[in-house]
């Protein structure tokens, strides 16, 4: 049976939920009909002319890109703009475009994972832990004899997941009061009078994407005619391993020069920019794949000796150096392209578990706009 685009959207969303993307981001389906068939999937960093050409040549009808093709709102879909021209090209070629951007960046195995592995960092935690903007807390009130039934039903519907733990809940005993109308048939108490009954206050965390299913499961499992429940938005940090960037420790201190050498060998980078005393010992390292100079303050607060990212601006680097922290700009492309094999493996395993058969292809196109001239040593735009 041929895969549908909707199948692959579900695979990506199960691994990297859109609810985990930044509020300003536009991850998800950008071009295509979810009912269209998918025979080949091309995984790339950027949806550009070269990768669309590659998709057509290799028989891929889905381009799964890290950077969204349509990042800013379009007033009209015409060839007058580069995004418009590329979107039209994809649609005319029956090539869907699906983006996994900050929802992948913030994942435990996201864009900063290659640096963590290259440097063998330990005691690793998110540099900027994710807020719970994708989660809610579902609170309900249940007669004690039905608490376990309701708890199990909610867990089966997707509630109660905190990090790697499942079926997490909290319950406390209390007293509920109600007056049922004379025509009602309450599960406990009597119609037409004030009733006091023992109830458990049951609480479970629910991803926003599973809230509808959880409420439906609650209504089915709860013994009351009228089910009382509250939905509370969670904005607190502490969402397991999810968040932007990573902070951790090297197994033992090494010179800044050595950190740079390991990155130069392990990342697909033509060059590194290193700021700091090359002989300085480095033990605590912060990193953020892609453009991460906005997290310099977080790296300093976390006590990092060195911060690794891409697209490091002049004044941001100066501020970091002035505060006593070394910096390494390994490039936007290099720090994120290194994560594509991790994304490829995760997608391959998840799609196989679902029985999907479309070929998953890794793009051979290098979309880094910069390269090094080995003779002159200056950067020039790649043609």
Protein backbone atom coordinates (compact mmCIF):
# COMPACT_ATOMS: atom_id res chain seq x y z
CA UNK A 1 0.00 0.00 0.00
CA UNK A 2 1.40 3.41 -0.99
CA UNK A 3 2.16 5.87 1.81
CA UNK A 4 0.17 9.08 2.02
CA UNK A 5 1.58 12.48 2.84
CA UNK A 6 -0.61 12.44 5.97
CA UNK A 7 1.27 9.33 7.16
CA UNK A 8 4.60 11.15 7.03
CA UNK A 9 3.15 14.24 8.70
CA UNK A 10 2.09 11.97 11.57
CA UNK A 11 5.55 10.37 11.77
CA UNK A 12 7.27 13.75 12.03
CA UNK A 13 4.73 15.12 14.51
CA UNK A 14 5.05 12.07 16.74
CA UNK A 15 8.82 12.54 16.94
CA UNK A 16 8.90 16.34 16.95
CA UNK A 17 5.43 17.74 17.75
CA UNK A 18 4.52 21.06 16.18
CA UNK A 19 3.38 22.14 19.63
CA UNK A 20 7.07 22.09 20.59
CA UNK A 21 7.99 24.66 17.93
CA UNK A 22 8.64 28.29 18.86
CA UNK A 23 5.62 30.59 18.70
CA UNK A 24 7.14 32.52 15.77
CA UNK A 25 7.99 29.39 13.80
CA UNK A 26 6.16 27.93 10.79
CA UNK A 27 7.01 24.24 10.98
CA UNK A 28 4.70 21.68 9.41
CA UNK A 29 3.19 21.16 5.97
CA UNK A 30 3.87 24.09 3.65
CA UNK A 31 3.11 22.71 0.19
CA UNK A 32 1.00 19.68 -0.66
CA UNK A 33 -2.22 17.74 -0.12
CA UNK A 34 -2.18 15.34 2.87
CA UNK A 35 -4.06 12.79 0.74
CA UNK A 36 -1.37 12.69 -1.96
CA UNK A 37 0.76 9.53 -2.30
CA UNK A 38 4.40 9.55 -1.21
CA UNK A 39 6.93 7.20 -2.79
CA UNK A 40 10.13 9.00 -1.84
CA UNK A 41 11.17 11.44 0.88
CA UNK A 42 14.20 13.71 0.47
CA UNK A 43 15.67 14.97 3.74
CA UNK A 44 17.55 18.28 3.48
CA UNK A 45 18.53 21.39 5.41
CA UNK A 46 17.10 23.91 2.93
CA UNK A 47 14.35 23.72 0.30
CA UNK A 48 16.10 25.56 -2.53
CA UNK A 49 16.19 25.16 -6.30
CA UNK A 50 18.98 22.58 -6.12
CA UNK A 51 17.18 20.38 -3.60
CA UNK A 52 13.88 20.57 -5.51
CA UNK A 53 15.79 19.55 -8.65
CA UNK A 54 17.37 16.71 -6.69
CA UNK A 55 13.98 15.55 -5.41
CA UNK A 56 12.58 15.41 -8.93
CA UNK A 57 15.65 13.58 -10.26
CA UNK A 58 15.61 10.98 -7.47
CA UNK A 59 11.87 10.36 -7.52
CA UNK A 60 11.05 12.01 -4.20
CA UNK A 61 7.59 13.57 -3.97
CA UNK A 62 8.16 14.92 -0.45
CA UNK A 63 10.94 17.30 0.58
CA UNK A 64 11.38 17.20 4.34
CA UNK A 65 13.37 20.33 5.10
CA UNK A 66 14.73 21.69 8.36
CA UNK A 67 14.42 25.35 7.37
CA UNK A 68 10.89 26.31 6.29
CA UNK A 69 10.45 27.29 2.66
CA UNK A 70 7.69 29.77 3.54
CA UNK A 71 9.07 31.49 6.61
CA UNK A 72 7.41 34.90 6.24
CA UNK A 73 3.77 35.43 5.21
CA UNK A 74 3.22 35.82 1.46
CA UNK A 75 0.80 38.45 0.17
CA UNK A 76 0.58 36.64 -3.16
CA UNK A 77 1.89 33.39 -4.64
CA UNK A 78 3.82 34.50 -7.74
CA UNK A 79 7.33 34.00 -9.14
CA UNK A 80 8.18 37.57 -8.06
CA UNK A 81 9.73 36.33 -4.79
CA UNK A 82 12.12 33.45 -4.20
CA UNK A 83 9.77 31.63 -1.76
CA UNK A 84 6.85 32.12 -4.15
CA UNK A 85 8.85 30.86 -7.09
CA UNK A 86 10.03 27.78 -5.19
CA UNK A 87 6.55 27.01 -3.81
CA UNK A 88 5.08 27.22 -7.32
CA UNK A 89 7.85 25.00 -8.64
CA UNK A 90 7.19 22.40 -5.95
CA UNK A 91 3.42 22.43 -6.52
CA UNK A 92 3.76 22.13 -10.30
CA UNK A 93 6.15 19.20 -9.85
CA UNK A 94 3.79 17.52 -7.34
CA UNK A 95 6.47 17.75 -4.65
CA UNK A 96 5.22 18.39 -1.13
CA UNK A 97 7.28 20.44 1.32
CA UNK A 98 7.23 19.67 5.04
CA UNK A 99 9.36 21.58 7.58
CA UNK A 100 10.69 20.41 10.96
CA UNK A 101 12.39 23.50 12.34
CA UNK A 102 12.43 24.57 15.99
CA UNK A 103 10.42 21.50 16.97
CA UNK A 104 13.54 19.54 15.93
CA UNK A 105 15.96 22.14 17.34
CA UNK A 106 14.48 21.78 20.82
CA UNK A 107 14.34 17.96 20.85
CA UNK A 108 16.69 15.91 23.01
CA UNK A 109 18.28 14.54 19.83
CA UNK A 110 18.01 17.82 17.93
CA UNK A 111 20.45 20.12 16.19
CA UNK A 112 22.88 20.46 19.11
CA UNK A 113 23.28 16.71 19.62
CA UNK A 114 26.25 16.37 17.18
CA UNK A 115 28.34 18.79 19.27
CA UNK A 116 27.40 16.90 22.44
CA UNK A 117 28.58 13.65 20.87
CA UNK A 118 31.73 15.07 19.28
CA UNK A 119 32.93 16.48 22.58
CA UNK A 120 31.62 13.55 24.64
CA UNK A 121 29.86 15.94 27.00
CA UNK A 122 28.40 14.54 30.21
CA UNK A 123 25.80 15.82 32.69
CA UNK A 124 24.03 17.41 29.73
CA UNK A 125 20.88 19.51 30.20
CA UNK A 126 19.02 22.04 28.01
CA UNK A 127 20.66 25.46 27.95
CA UNK A 128 17.25 27.13 27.70
CA UNK A 129 14.70 24.61 29.04
CA UNK A 130 11.42 24.55 27.14
CA UNK A 131 8.39 26.17 28.63
CA UNK A 132 5.31 23.99 28.77
CA UNK A 133 3.46 25.87 26.06
CA UNK A 134 2.54 22.57 24.46
CA UNK A 135 1.13 21.00 27.63
CA UNK A 136 -1.91 21.39 29.84
CA UNK A 137 -2.94 19.91 33.16
CA UNK A 138 -6.29 18.12 33.22
CA UNK A 139 -7.92 18.14 36.67
CA UNK A 140 -11.06 16.17 37.46
CA UNK A 141 -12.99 14.99 40.52
CA UNK A 142 -13.78 11.29 40.81
CA UNK A 143 -15.46 9.02 43.38
CA UNK A 144 -12.63 6.98 44.94
CA UNK A 145 -13.87 3.65 43.61
CA UNK A 146 -13.59 4.97 40.02
CA UNK A 147 -10.24 6.78 40.30
CA UNK A 148 -8.12 3.95 38.91
CA UNK A 149 -10.49 3.40 35.98
CA UNK A 150 -10.41 7.09 35.03
CA UNK A 151 -6.63 7.30 35.55
CA UNK A 152 -6.04 4.35 33.20
CA UNK A 153 -8.39 5.74 30.55
CA UNK A 154 -6.60 9.11 30.58
CA UNK A 155 -3.18 7.44 30.35
CA UNK A 156 -4.30 5.38 27.34
CA UNK A 157 -5.47 8.63 25.70
CA UNK A 158 -2.00 10.18 26.04
CA UNK A 159 -2.17 11.92 29.41
CA UNK A 160 0.42 11.60 32.15
CA UNK A 161 3.69 11.68 30.19
CA UNK A 162 6.53 13.61 31.85
CA UNK A 163 9.87 13.10 30.13
CA UNK A 164 10.48 9.35 29.85
CA UNK A 165 7.87 8.56 32.52
CA UNK A 166 4.35 7.45 31.60
CA UNK A 167 0.99 7.31 33.42
CA UNK A 168 2.05 10.02 35.90
CA UNK A 169 -0.75 11.39 38.07
CA UNK A 170 -1.52 12.98 41.42
CA UNK A 171 -4.62 12.40 43.52
CA UNK A 172 -5.80 13.75 46.86
CA UNK A 173 -9.01 12.96 48.78
CA UNK A 174 -11.56 15.67 49.50
CA UNK A 175 -15.29 16.38 49.76
CA UNK A 176 -17.48 17.43 46.85
CA UNK A 177 -20.91 19.03 47.16
CA UNK A 178 -23.74 19.30 44.65
CA UNK A 179 -27.49 19.63 44.27
CA UNK A 180 -28.88 17.49 41.46
CA UNK A 181 -32.20 18.46 39.82
CA UNK A 182 -35.21 16.35 40.70
CA UNK A 183 -35.22 14.81 37.22
CA UNK A 184 -31.55 13.74 37.39
CA UNK A 185 -30.19 10.27 38.05
CA UNK A 186 -26.89 10.94 39.85
CA UNK A 187 -24.36 8.12 40.24
CA UNK A 188 -24.04 9.05 43.92
CA UNK A 189 -26.27 11.11 46.22
CA UNK A 190 -29.95 11.98 45.89
CA UNK A 191 -31.80 14.34 43.52
CA UNK A 192 -33.25 17.56 44.88
CA UNK A 193 -31.04 17.92 47.95
CA UNK A 194 -27.55 19.05 48.88
CA UNK A 195 -25.16 16.10 48.79
CA UNK A 196 -21.67 15.74 50.25
CA UNK A 197 -19.58 12.93 48.76
CA UNK A 198 -15.98 11.75 49.00
CA UNK A 199 -14.06 12.53 45.80
CA UNK A 200 -10.48 12.28 44.58
CA UNK A 201 -8.99 15.30 42.86
CA UNK A 202 -7.08 13.63 40.00
CA UNK A 203 -4.48 15.60 38.01
CA UNK A 204 -2.55 14.56 34.88
CA UNK A 205 -0.42 16.46 32.38
CA UNK A 206 -1.71 16.32 28.78
CA UNK A 207 0.00 17.49 25.55
CA UNK A 208 -2.17 20.10 23.89
CA UNK A 209 -2.37 17.89 20.79
CA UNK A 210 -3.94 15.10 22.90
CA UNK A 211 -6.30 17.25 24.97
CA UNK A 212 -9.40 16.47 22.90
CA UNK A 213 -8.77 12.73 23.07
CA UNK A 214 -8.11 12.92 26.81
CA UNK A 215 -11.34 14.82 27.54
CA UNK A 216 -13.31 12.33 25.43
CA UNK A 217 -11.74 9.43 27.35
CA UNK A 218 -12.54 11.17 30.63
CA UNK A 219 -16.21 11.54 29.71
CA UNK A 220 -16.45 7.87 28.71
CA UNK A 221 -14.77 6.51 31.85
CA UNK A 222 -16.21 8.85 34.47
CA UNK A 223 -19.33 7.55 36.26
CA UNK A 224 -21.00 10.98 36.70
CA UNK A 225 -23.73 12.36 34.44
CA UNK A 226 -22.04 15.77 34.50
CA UNK A 227 -18.25 15.48 34.60
CA UNK A 228 -16.47 18.34 36.35
CA UNK A 229 -12.98 19.06 35.05
CA UNK A 230 -10.53 21.94 34.64
CA UNK A 231 -7.91 22.50 31.93
CA UNK A 232 -4.90 24.51 33.12
CA UNK A 233 -2.22 25.87 30.77
CA UNK A 234 1.30 25.05 31.93
CA UNK A 235 4.03 27.64 31.43
CA UNK A 236 6.64 26.29 33.83
CA UNK A 237 10.05 25.02 32.70
CA UNK A 238 11.23 21.47 33.22
CA UNK A 239 9.95 19.57 30.19
CA UNK A 240 12.48 16.74 30.46
CA UNK A 241 15.34 17.03 27.96
CA UNK A 242 13.50 19.47 25.69
CA UNK A 243 14.80 22.99 25.12
CA UNK A 244 17.13 25.10 23.00
CA UNK A 245 20.86 24.43 23.21
CA UNK A 246 22.75 22.18 25.60
CA UNK A 247 25.12 22.70 28.54
CA UNK A 248 27.44 19.99 29.84
CA UNK A 249 30.93 19.09 31.01
CA UNK A 250 33.91 17.60 29.24
CA UNK A 251 35.21 14.39 30.85
CA UNK A 252 38.37 16.33 31.71
CA UNK A 253 39.60 19.85 30.94
CA UNK A 254 41.21 20.40 27.54
CA UNK A 255 42.64 23.46 25.82
CA UNK A 256 40.33 25.67 23.77
CA UNK A 257 42.54 24.75 20.82
CA UNK A 258 41.63 21.07 21.28
CA UNK A 259 37.91 21.84 21.40
CA UNK A 260 38.23 23.69 18.10
CA UNK A 261 40.22 20.87 16.52
CA UNK A 262 37.58 18.29 17.44
CA UNK A 263 34.84 20.43 15.93
CA UNK A 264 36.85 21.09 12.77
CA UNK A 265 37.29 17.36 12.23
CA UNK A 266 33.78 16.28 13.16
CA UNK A 267 31.57 18.98 11.63
CA UNK A 268 30.99 19.53 7.88
CA UNK A 269 32.56 22.98 8.24
CA UNK A 270 35.04 24.78 5.98
CA UNK A 271 36.25 26.91 8.86
CA UNK A 272 35.83 27.87 12.51
CA UNK A 273 36.07 31.26 14.17
CA UNK A 274 37.52 30.90 17.65
CA UNK A 275 37.51 33.70 20.21
CA UNK A 276 39.69 33.28 23.28
CA UNK A 277 43.08 32.15 24.54
CA UNK A 278 43.76 28.94 22.62
CA UNK A 279 45.66 27.48 25.57
CA UNK A 280 42.90 28.21 28.07
CA UNK A 281 41.56 25.07 29.79
CA UNK A 282 37.91 24.35 28.99
CA UNK A 283 35.71 22.12 31.13
CA UNK A 284 32.12 23.40 30.93
CA UNK A 285 30.71 23.80 27.41
CA UNK A 286 27.47 25.34 26.15
CA UNK A 287 26.31 24.90 22.56
CA UNK A 288 23.41 25.72 20.27
CA UNK A 289 23.18 24.51 16.68
CA UNK A 290 22.31 27.13 14.07
CA UNK A 291 22.04 30.81 15.00
CA UNK A 292 22.39 30.93 18.77
CA UNK A 293 23.98 34.15 19.91
CA UNK A 294 20.71 35.02 21.68
CA UNK A 295 21.63 32.35 24.25
CA UNK A 296 24.99 33.87 25.22
CA UNK A 297 23.43 35.19 28.42
CA UNK A 298 22.11 31.73 29.27
CA UNK A 299 25.56 30.23 28.62
CA UNK A 300 27.17 32.77 30.96
CA UNK A 301 24.54 32.16 33.63
CA UNK A 302 25.20 28.41 33.37
CA UNK A 303 28.92 28.94 34.02
CA UNK A 304 30.15 27.90 30.57
CA UNK A 305 33.87 28.26 29.84
CA UNK A 306 33.12 28.13 26.12
CA UNK A 307 30.03 28.66 23.95
CA UNK A 308 29.70 27.01 20.52
CA UNK A 309 27.15 28.14 17.96
CA UNK A 310 26.79 29.63 14.46
CA UNK A 311 26.07 33.08 13.04
CA UNK A 312 27.81 34.73 15.99
CA UNK A 313 27.53 38.51 15.69
CA UNK A 314 30.46 40.84 16.34
CA UNK A 315 29.08 42.62 19.39
CA UNK A 316 27.62 39.46 20.90
CA UNK A 317 31.05 37.82 20.65
CA UNK A 318 32.67 40.89 22.22
CA UNK A 319 30.22 40.77 25.11
CA UNK A 320 30.97 37.10 25.69
CA UNK A 321 34.72 37.67 25.61
CA UNK A 322 34.42 40.64 27.95
CA UNK A 323 32.52 38.44 30.40
CA UNK A 324 35.33 35.89 30.34
CA UNK A 325 33.77 33.21 28.14
CA UNK A 326 35.45 31.80 25.03
CA UNK A 327 33.34 31.47 21.89
CA UNK A 328 33.48 29.31 18.78
CA UNK A 329 31.46 30.14 15.67
CA UNK A 330 31.29 26.85 13.77
CA UNK A 331 28.81 28.14 11.19
CA UNK A 332 25.04 27.91 10.86
CA UNK A 333 25.16 25.31 8.11
CA UNK A 334 27.79 23.08 9.72
CA UNK A 335 26.20 22.89 13.15
CA UNK A 336 22.80 21.98 11.71
CA UNK A 337 23.81 19.80 8.76
CA UNK A 338 25.66 17.55 11.19
CA UNK A 339 22.30 16.72 12.79
CA UNK A 340 20.65 15.49 9.58
CA UNK A 341 21.95 11.89 9.98
CA UNK A 342 20.38 11.83 13.45
CA UNK A 343 17.07 13.04 12.01
CA UNK A 344 17.37 10.51 9.17
CA UNK A 345 17.84 7.61 11.61
CA UNK A 346 14.92 8.69 13.80
CA UNK A 347 12.61 9.00 10.78
CA UNK A 348 13.74 5.67 9.34
CA UNK A 349 13.01 3.83 12.57
CA UNK A 350 9.68 5.56 13.20
CA UNK A 351 8.42 5.07 9.64
CA UNK A 352 9.41 1.39 9.70
CA UNK A 353 7.44 0.85 12.91
CA UNK A 354 4.38 2.28 11.16
CA UNK A 355 4.91 0.04 8.13
CA UNK A 356 5.62 2.91 5.72
CA UNK A 357 7.45 1.98 2.53
CA UNK A 358 8.53 5.25 0.89
CA UNK A 359 12.28 5.55 0.30
CA UNK A 360 13.97 7.94 2.74
CA UNK A 361 16.79 9.74 0.94
CA UNK A 362 19.52 12.01 2.31
CA UNK A 363 20.17 15.04 0.14
CA UNK A 364 23.59 15.21 -1.49
CA UNK A 365 23.28 18.97 -2.05
CA UNK A 366 25.41 21.24 0.13
CA UNK A 367 23.43 24.40 0.81
CA UNK A 368 26.09 26.30 2.76
CA UNK A 369 26.21 29.72 1.02
CA UNK A 370 29.89 30.17 1.99
CA UNK A 371 33.10 28.38 1.16
CA UNK A 372 36.82 28.93 1.74
CA UNK A 373 39.25 29.76 -1.04
CA UNK A 374 42.22 27.57 -0.01
CA UNK A 375 44.74 29.82 -1.78
CA UNK A 376 43.57 33.23 -0.58
CA UNK A 377 41.93 32.29 2.69
CA UNK A 378 38.88 34.50 2.24
CA UNK A 379 35.25 33.45 2.06
CA UNK A 380 33.29 33.71 -1.13
CA UNK A 381 29.73 32.85 -1.99
CA UNK A 382 29.20 29.36 -3.38
CA UNK A 383 27.73 29.40 -6.86
